[in-house]
Protein backbone atom coordinates (compact mmCIF):
# COMPACT_ATOMS: atom_id res chain seq x y z
CA MET A 1 -30.32 24.23 -1.53
CA SER A 2 -32.74 21.98 0.34
CA ASN A 3 -35.55 24.49 -0.27
CA PHE A 4 -35.13 24.19 -4.04
CA ASN A 5 -34.39 20.43 -3.96
CA VAL A 6 -31.10 20.99 -5.78
CA CYS A 7 -28.79 17.95 -5.90
CA VAL A 8 -25.09 18.83 -6.29
CA LEU A 9 -23.25 15.82 -7.70
CA SER A 10 -19.53 15.55 -7.16
CA PRO A 11 -17.21 15.17 -10.18
CA GLY A 12 -15.43 12.44 -8.22
CA PHE A 13 -13.61 11.57 -5.02
CA TYR A 14 -10.02 11.31 -3.81
CA ILE A 15 -9.22 8.02 -2.07
CA THR A 16 -6.87 8.75 0.85
CA GLY A 17 -7.10 5.67 3.07
CA LEU A 18 -3.95 3.72 4.04
CA GLN A 19 -1.74 6.69 3.08
CA THR A 20 -0.22 6.99 6.57
CA LEU A 21 0.90 3.37 6.76
CA PRO A 22 4.57 2.59 6.02
CA TYR A 23 5.45 0.16 3.23
CA ILE A 24 1.98 0.42 1.73
CA SER A 25 3.50 -0.19 -1.71
CA VAL A 26 4.85 -3.55 -0.55
CA TYR A 27 1.42 -4.48 0.75
CA VAL A 28 -0.25 -3.57 -2.56
CA ILE A 29 2.36 -5.61 -4.47
CA PHE A 30 1.42 -8.53 -2.22
CA LEU A 31 -2.26 -7.96 -3.10
CA ALA A 32 -1.29 -7.94 -6.80
CA PHE A 33 0.20 -11.43 -6.29
CA VAL A 34 -3.02 -12.43 -4.48
CA TYR A 35 -5.02 -11.19 -7.46
CA VAL A 36 -2.97 -13.21 -9.96
CA VAL A 37 -3.46 -16.37 -7.88
CA THR A 38 -7.18 -15.58 -7.56
CA VAL A 39 -7.61 -15.25 -11.32
CA LEU A 40 -5.59 -18.39 -12.16
CA PHE A 41 -7.15 -20.78 -9.65
CA ASN A 42 -10.75 -19.58 -9.87
CA SER A 43 -10.58 -19.55 -13.68
CA LEU A 44 -9.26 -23.13 -13.54
CA VAL A 45 -12.14 -24.19 -11.27
CA ILE A 46 -14.73 -22.51 -13.51
CA TYR A 47 -13.22 -24.11 -16.65
CA VAL A 48 -13.12 -27.60 -15.13
CA ILE A 49 -16.73 -27.41 -13.91
CA VAL A 50 -18.16 -25.89 -17.11
CA PHE A 51 -16.49 -28.30 -19.54
CA ASN A 52 -17.00 -31.52 -17.54
CA HIS A 53 -20.64 -32.57 -17.70
CA CYS A 54 -20.18 -35.12 -14.93
CA LEU A 55 -19.54 -32.16 -12.58
CA HIS A 56 -22.88 -30.54 -13.41
CA THR A 57 -24.30 -31.52 -10.02
CA PRO A 58 -25.83 -29.32 -7.29
CA LYS A 59 -22.64 -29.32 -5.23
CA PHE A 60 -20.39 -28.23 -8.08
CA VAL A 61 -22.92 -25.69 -9.36
CA ALA A 62 -22.57 -24.06 -5.92
CA VAL A 63 -18.77 -24.35 -6.07
CA GLY A 64 -18.70 -22.76 -9.53
CA ASN A 65 -20.94 -19.97 -8.27
CA LEU A 66 -18.46 -19.24 -5.46
CA ALA A 67 -15.54 -19.21 -7.94
CA VAL A 68 -17.29 -16.65 -10.20
CA ILE A 69 -18.08 -14.42 -7.22
CA ASP A 70 -14.48 -14.63 -5.92
CA LEU A 71 -13.14 -13.65 -9.34
CA VAL A 72 -15.37 -10.59 -9.66
CA LEU A 73 -14.92 -9.50 -6.03
CA ASN A 74 -11.12 -9.26 -6.22
CA THR A 75 -11.25 -7.77 -9.73
CA CYS A 76 -13.37 -4.98 -8.29
CA ILE A 77 -10.90 -4.02 -5.54
CA ILE A 78 -7.27 -4.98 -6.21
CA PRO A 79 -6.69 -3.38 -9.67
CA SER A 80 -8.15 -0.17 -8.25
CA MET A 81 -5.75 -0.32 -5.27
CA ILE A 82 -2.83 -0.85 -7.64
CA ASN A 83 -3.87 2.26 -9.57
CA ILE A 84 -4.26 4.33 -6.38
CA PHE A 85 -1.21 3.29 -4.36
CA LEU A 86 1.35 2.27 -7.00
CA ILE A 87 0.48 4.51 -9.97
CA LYS A 88 -0.53 7.29 -7.52
CA ASP A 89 -3.79 8.13 -9.28
CA ASN A 90 -6.22 8.40 -6.38
CA PHE A 91 -9.01 10.34 -8.11
CA VAL A 92 -12.09 8.25 -8.93
CA PRO A 93 -14.90 9.77 -11.08
CA PHE A 94 -18.34 9.81 -9.48
CA ASN A 95 -19.98 7.21 -11.74
CA LEU A 96 -16.98 4.88 -11.51
CA CYS A 97 -17.06 5.29 -7.73
CA LEU A 98 -20.70 4.23 -7.59
CA ALA A 99 -19.99 1.30 -9.91
CA GLN A 100 -17.17 0.04 -7.69
CA MET A 101 -19.31 0.52 -4.58
CA TYR A 102 -22.13 -1.45 -6.18
CA VAL A 103 -19.98 -4.35 -7.38
CA TYR A 104 -18.12 -4.64 -4.07
CA TYR A 105 -21.21 -4.76 -1.87
CA ALA A 106 -23.26 -6.84 -4.30
CA PHE A 107 -20.60 -9.52 -4.65
CA GLY A 108 -19.64 -9.30 -0.99
CA THR A 109 -23.27 -10.13 -0.21
CA LEU A 110 -23.23 -12.90 -2.81
CA GLU A 111 -20.04 -14.31 -1.25
CA SER A 112 -21.77 -14.62 2.11
CA PHE A 113 -24.82 -16.26 0.59
CA ALA A 114 -22.63 -18.58 -1.53
CA LEU A 115 -21.05 -19.91 1.67
CA ALA A 116 -24.54 -20.31 3.15
CA ILE A 117 -25.61 -22.28 0.04
CA LEU A 118 -22.62 -24.61 0.46
CA ALA A 119 -23.63 -25.11 4.10
CA TYR A 120 -27.16 -25.96 2.90
CA ASP A 121 -25.68 -28.51 0.47
CA ARG A 122 -23.74 -30.16 3.32
CA MET A 123 -26.85 -30.16 5.55
CA ILE A 124 -28.96 -31.91 2.90
CA ALA A 125 -26.19 -34.45 2.18
CA ILE A 126 -25.82 -35.39 5.86
CA CYS A 127 -29.24 -34.83 7.43
CA VAL A 128 -31.41 -36.34 4.67
CA SER A 129 -28.83 -38.41 2.81
CA LEU A 130 -31.40 -40.92 1.52
CA ARG A 131 -33.47 -38.19 -0.15
CA LYS A 132 -30.73 -35.73 -1.09
CA ASN A 133 -30.96 -36.52 -4.82
CA SER A 134 -34.68 -35.72 -4.87
CA ILE A 135 -34.46 -32.62 -2.63
CA ASN A 136 -31.21 -31.02 -3.75
CA THR A 137 -31.48 -31.24 -7.53
CA GLN A 138 -29.55 -29.20 -10.07
CA GLN A 139 -32.72 -27.23 -10.86
CA SER A 140 -33.42 -26.41 -7.20
CA MET A 141 -29.79 -25.40 -6.60
CA SER A 142 -29.82 -23.17 -9.69
CA PHE A 143 -33.07 -21.60 -8.47
CA ILE A 144 -31.60 -20.87 -5.01
CA ILE A 145 -28.46 -19.36 -6.53
CA GLY A 146 -30.52 -17.28 -8.97
CA LEU A 147 -32.69 -16.07 -6.10
CA THR A 148 -29.65 -14.89 -4.08
CA TRP A 149 -28.29 -13.11 -7.16
CA CYS A 150 -31.58 -11.29 -7.83
CA PHE A 151 -31.97 -10.34 -4.17
CA SER A 152 -28.36 -9.18 -3.68
CA LEU A 153 -28.10 -7.23 -6.94
CA GLY A 154 -31.50 -5.63 -6.36
CA ILE A 155 -31.07 -4.56 -2.73
CA ILE A 156 -27.57 -3.17 -3.34
CA ALA A 157 -28.79 -1.30 -6.43
CA PHE A 158 -31.41 0.40 -4.23
CA ALA A 159 -28.81 1.27 -1.56
CA VAL A 160 -26.26 2.67 -4.01
CA GLY A 161 -28.97 4.47 -5.99
CA ILE A 162 -29.65 6.59 -2.92
CA MET A 163 -26.19 8.15 -3.44
CA THR A 164 -27.41 9.87 -6.61
CA ARG A 165 -29.92 11.85 -4.51
CA LEU A 166 -27.27 13.31 -2.19
CA SER A 167 -25.45 16.63 -2.55
CA PHE A 168 -21.68 16.75 -2.10
CA CYS A 169 -20.68 20.33 -1.43
CA ASN A 170 -17.95 19.83 1.17
CA SER A 171 -14.85 17.65 1.14
CA LEU A 172 -14.23 15.14 -1.66
CA THR A 173 -11.74 13.09 0.34
CA VAL A 174 -12.81 9.50 1.05
CA LEU A 175 -11.02 7.97 4.04
CA SER A 176 -10.91 4.38 2.81
CA TYR A 177 -9.02 2.20 0.33
CA PHE A 178 -11.88 2.24 -2.20
CA CYS A 179 -15.24 3.97 -2.72
CA ASP A 180 -16.76 2.62 0.47
CA TYR A 181 -20.40 3.33 1.27
CA SER A 182 -20.12 4.86 4.73
CA PRO A 183 -17.10 7.17 4.10
CA VAL A 184 -18.72 8.48 0.90
CA TYR A 185 -22.15 9.28 2.30
CA ARG A 186 -20.56 11.02 5.30
CA LEU A 187 -19.33 13.60 2.78
CA ALA A 188 -22.88 14.57 1.86
CA CYS A 189 -24.00 17.99 3.05
CA ASN A 190 -27.68 17.08 3.44
CA ASP A 191 -29.32 14.86 6.02
CA TYR A 192 -28.10 11.28 5.74
CA THR A 193 -30.15 9.61 8.48
CA MET A 194 -31.70 7.29 5.91
CA GLN A 195 -28.29 6.42 4.48
CA TRP A 196 -26.98 5.61 7.96
CA THR A 197 -29.88 3.19 8.39
CA VAL A 198 -29.16 1.66 4.98
CA ALA A 199 -25.44 1.28 5.80
CA ASN A 200 -26.24 -0.55 9.04
CA SER A 201 -28.75 -2.72 7.19
CA LEU A 202 -26.10 -3.57 4.58
CA SER A 203 -23.65 -4.68 7.25
CA PHE A 204 -26.38 -6.79 8.85
CA LEU A 205 -27.40 -8.23 5.48
CA ILE A 206 -23.90 -9.07 4.27
CA LEU A 207 -22.58 -10.64 7.47
CA ILE A 208 -25.18 -11.57 10.06
CA VAL A 209 -28.01 -13.09 8.00
CA PRO A 210 -25.88 -15.56 5.97
CA PHE A 211 -23.73 -16.35 9.02
CA THR A 212 -26.89 -17.16 10.99
CA LEU A 213 -28.09 -19.47 8.20
CA ILE A 214 -24.71 -21.21 8.22
CA CYS A 215 -24.84 -21.67 11.99
CA LEU A 216 -28.36 -23.12 11.79
CA SER A 217 -27.21 -25.54 9.08
CA TYR A 218 -24.35 -26.77 11.23
CA VAL A 219 -26.59 -27.13 14.27
CA SER A 220 -28.75 -29.48 12.19
CA ILE A 221 -25.64 -31.30 10.98
CA LEU A 222 -24.29 -31.77 14.52
CA VAL A 223 -27.64 -33.03 15.79
CA THR A 224 -27.74 -35.59 12.98
CA VAL A 225 -24.10 -36.62 13.44
CA PHE A 226 -24.42 -37.23 17.17
CA ARG A 227 -27.44 -39.42 16.53
CA MET A 228 -25.28 -41.75 14.41
CA LYS A 229 -24.35 -44.95 16.20
CA SER A 230 -21.06 -45.59 14.41
CA LEU A 231 -18.01 -43.48 15.30
CA ASP A 232 -16.62 -43.93 11.79
CA SER A 233 -19.82 -42.53 10.31
CA ARG A 234 -19.57 -39.49 12.56
CA VAL A 235 -15.96 -38.85 11.58
CA LYS A 236 -16.67 -39.25 7.86
CA ALA A 237 -19.68 -36.92 8.02
CA LEU A 238 -17.77 -34.20 9.87
CA ALA A 239 -14.71 -34.61 7.61
CA THR A 240 -16.79 -33.51 4.61
CA CYS A 241 -17.51 -30.20 6.38
CA ILE A 242 -13.95 -29.23 7.36
CA GLU A 243 -13.12 -27.30 4.17
CA HIS A 244 -16.36 -25.35 4.34
CA ILE A 245 -15.88 -24.48 8.01
CA ILE A 246 -12.41 -23.13 7.16
CA LEU A 247 -13.89 -20.92 4.42
CA VAL A 248 -16.56 -19.58 6.77
CA ALA A 249 -13.93 -18.83 9.42
CA ILE A 250 -11.65 -17.09 6.89
CA PHE A 251 -14.40 -14.87 5.47
CA HIS A 252 -16.83 -14.11 8.31
CA LEU A 253 -14.85 -14.12 11.54
CA PRO A 254 -12.25 -11.46 10.55
CA LEU A 255 -14.93 -9.14 9.13
CA ILE A 256 -17.22 -9.48 12.15
CA THR A 257 -14.25 -8.96 14.50
CA ILE A 258 -13.04 -5.87 12.63
CA PHE A 259 -16.50 -4.28 12.56
CA ASN A 260 -17.01 -4.87 16.28
CA ILE A 261 -13.56 -3.63 17.30
CA SER A 262 -13.75 -0.52 15.10
CA PHE A 263 -17.23 0.27 16.45
CA TYR A 264 -16.51 -0.14 20.18
CA LEU A 265 -12.78 0.66 20.33
CA HIS A 266 -10.47 3.26 18.81
CA PHE A 267 -7.39 2.23 16.85
CA ILE A 268 -4.06 3.98 17.42
CA ASN A 269 -3.85 4.45 13.66
CA ASP A 270 -7.06 5.31 11.79
CA ASP A 271 -5.83 3.39 8.75
CA LEU A 272 -5.33 0.13 10.66
CA PRO A 273 -8.98 -1.06 10.40
CA PHE A 274 -8.89 -0.37 6.64
CA LEU A 275 -5.73 -2.46 6.35
CA CYS A 276 -7.35 -5.34 8.22
CA LEU A 277 -10.56 -5.00 6.25
CA SER A 278 -8.76 -5.01 2.90
CA LEU A 279 -6.80 -8.11 3.90
CA ALA A 280 -9.95 -9.86 5.15
CA SER A 281 -11.79 -8.96 1.92
CA CYS A 282 -9.09 -9.83 -0.62
CA THR A 283 -7.53 -13.04 0.73
CA PRO A 284 -10.63 -15.33 0.94
CA PRO A 285 -11.24 -15.25 -2.86
CA CYS A 286 -7.62 -16.36 -3.28
CA ILE A 287 -7.77 -19.09 -0.63
CA ASN A 288 -11.24 -20.46 -1.43
CA PRO A 289 -10.31 -22.47 -4.56
CA MET A 290 -7.21 -23.94 -2.87
CA VAL A 291 -8.92 -24.86 0.39
CA TYR A 292 -12.26 -26.03 -0.95
CA SER A 293 -12.44 -26.56 -4.70
CA LEU A 294 -9.02 -27.98 -5.57
CA LYS A 295 -9.06 -30.24 -2.51
CA THR A 296 -12.22 -31.87 -3.84
CA LYS A 297 -11.20 -35.12 -5.49
CA GLU A 298 -13.33 -34.69 -8.61
CA ILE A 299 -12.06 -31.18 -9.39
CA ARG A 300 -8.47 -31.99 -8.43
CA ASN A 301 -8.31 -35.05 -10.69
CA ARG A 302 -9.72 -33.21 -13.67
CA ALA A 303 -7.50 -30.18 -13.06
CA LEU A 304 -4.42 -32.43 -12.97
CA ALA A 305 -5.61 -34.19 -16.14
CA LEU A 306 -5.98 -30.79 -17.82
CA VAL A 307 -2.46 -29.78 -16.75
CA ARG A 308 -1.02 -33.07 -18.04
CA LYS A 309 -2.91 -32.69 -21.32
CA THR A 310 -1.58 -29.14 -21.73
CA LYS A 311 1.98 -30.30 -20.95
CA ILE A 312 1.75 -33.13 -23.50
CA ALA A 313 0.44 -30.75 -26.16
CA THR A 314 3.29 -28.30 -25.39
CA ASP A 315 5.91 -31.06 -25.63
CA GLN A 316 4.49 -32.24 -28.95
CA GLU A 317 4.55 -28.69 -30.29
CA LYS A 318 8.20 -28.34 -29.25
CA LYS A 319 9.06 -31.62 -30.98
CA ARG A 320 7.36 -30.48 -34.20
CA HIS A 321 9.23 -27.20 -33.98
CA TRP A 322 12.62 -28.92 -33.60
CA ARG A 323 11.81 -31.33 -36.43
CA GLY A 324 11.01 -28.38 -38.66
CA LEU A 325 14.34 -26.73 -37.80
CA THR A 326 16.22 -30.01 -38.42
CA THR A 327 14.54 -30.45 -41.81
CA LYS A 328 15.52 -26.93 -42.86
CA MET A 329 19.13 -27.53 -41.81
């Protein structure tokens, strides 16, 4: 086959990860609840930011960017898991497999960079507070976000495009909970040295590079804070970073820990790292709007105003309905 440069494409793959774990259906039902919460809260955040012009500032442009990424990331994974583990349809066509792989890694990369952008916003607000309005403008923030989108979508498109050049002539069973990059390319029957390098580069790109940028941002923040003479000023400056630190800890630390443990140690159950990875991937998009966005005073106040407005409109509609019934009687 290699002599004639023939590429044998698979019709699709069977997803078999997590099958040995007990009560996997209960876990997937929990993820379905997580998905509903993700859609509701992130949609609320996006709506509030888009339709309130006073929130069209660099900070909230970055927050809206994170909400969009969270929405797409969980939409890519959880409905597919529901189909595989609850409906018991674990066959994924080849093109759909590549599409899911692309969206997951592209938006996983964007999630990491979105957290790094929020760290940059905090660094500018604290370290150069007097010039933050001239440095961190809406145009510059939009440019940075656009740059991360172009970079992430482009580099992941190159990595996933390599899959179309592989031949799959052996097993079609993918040991994961979705069309993951590494388990799929291990099924190829030709040399995948290049793909192994790409997979390692993806892990480095998604986790280490943005996490390093975040750490550098907080080093700058801490240096600036400890130079402040007033204790109250230090406390106020650090208090604005608490929500973001929680988000970074929720997203990065579990993933880095899982990758390191699975690489250096062996689990008793081979499905256990996939369970941990799915939980670490699916819960941050659900928690992000509650921990960060909805705790922000501007978004919270406008979200509550929207809820009150909706409730008033519903009550008025009910009153009109009852008046119509009374008139008919």
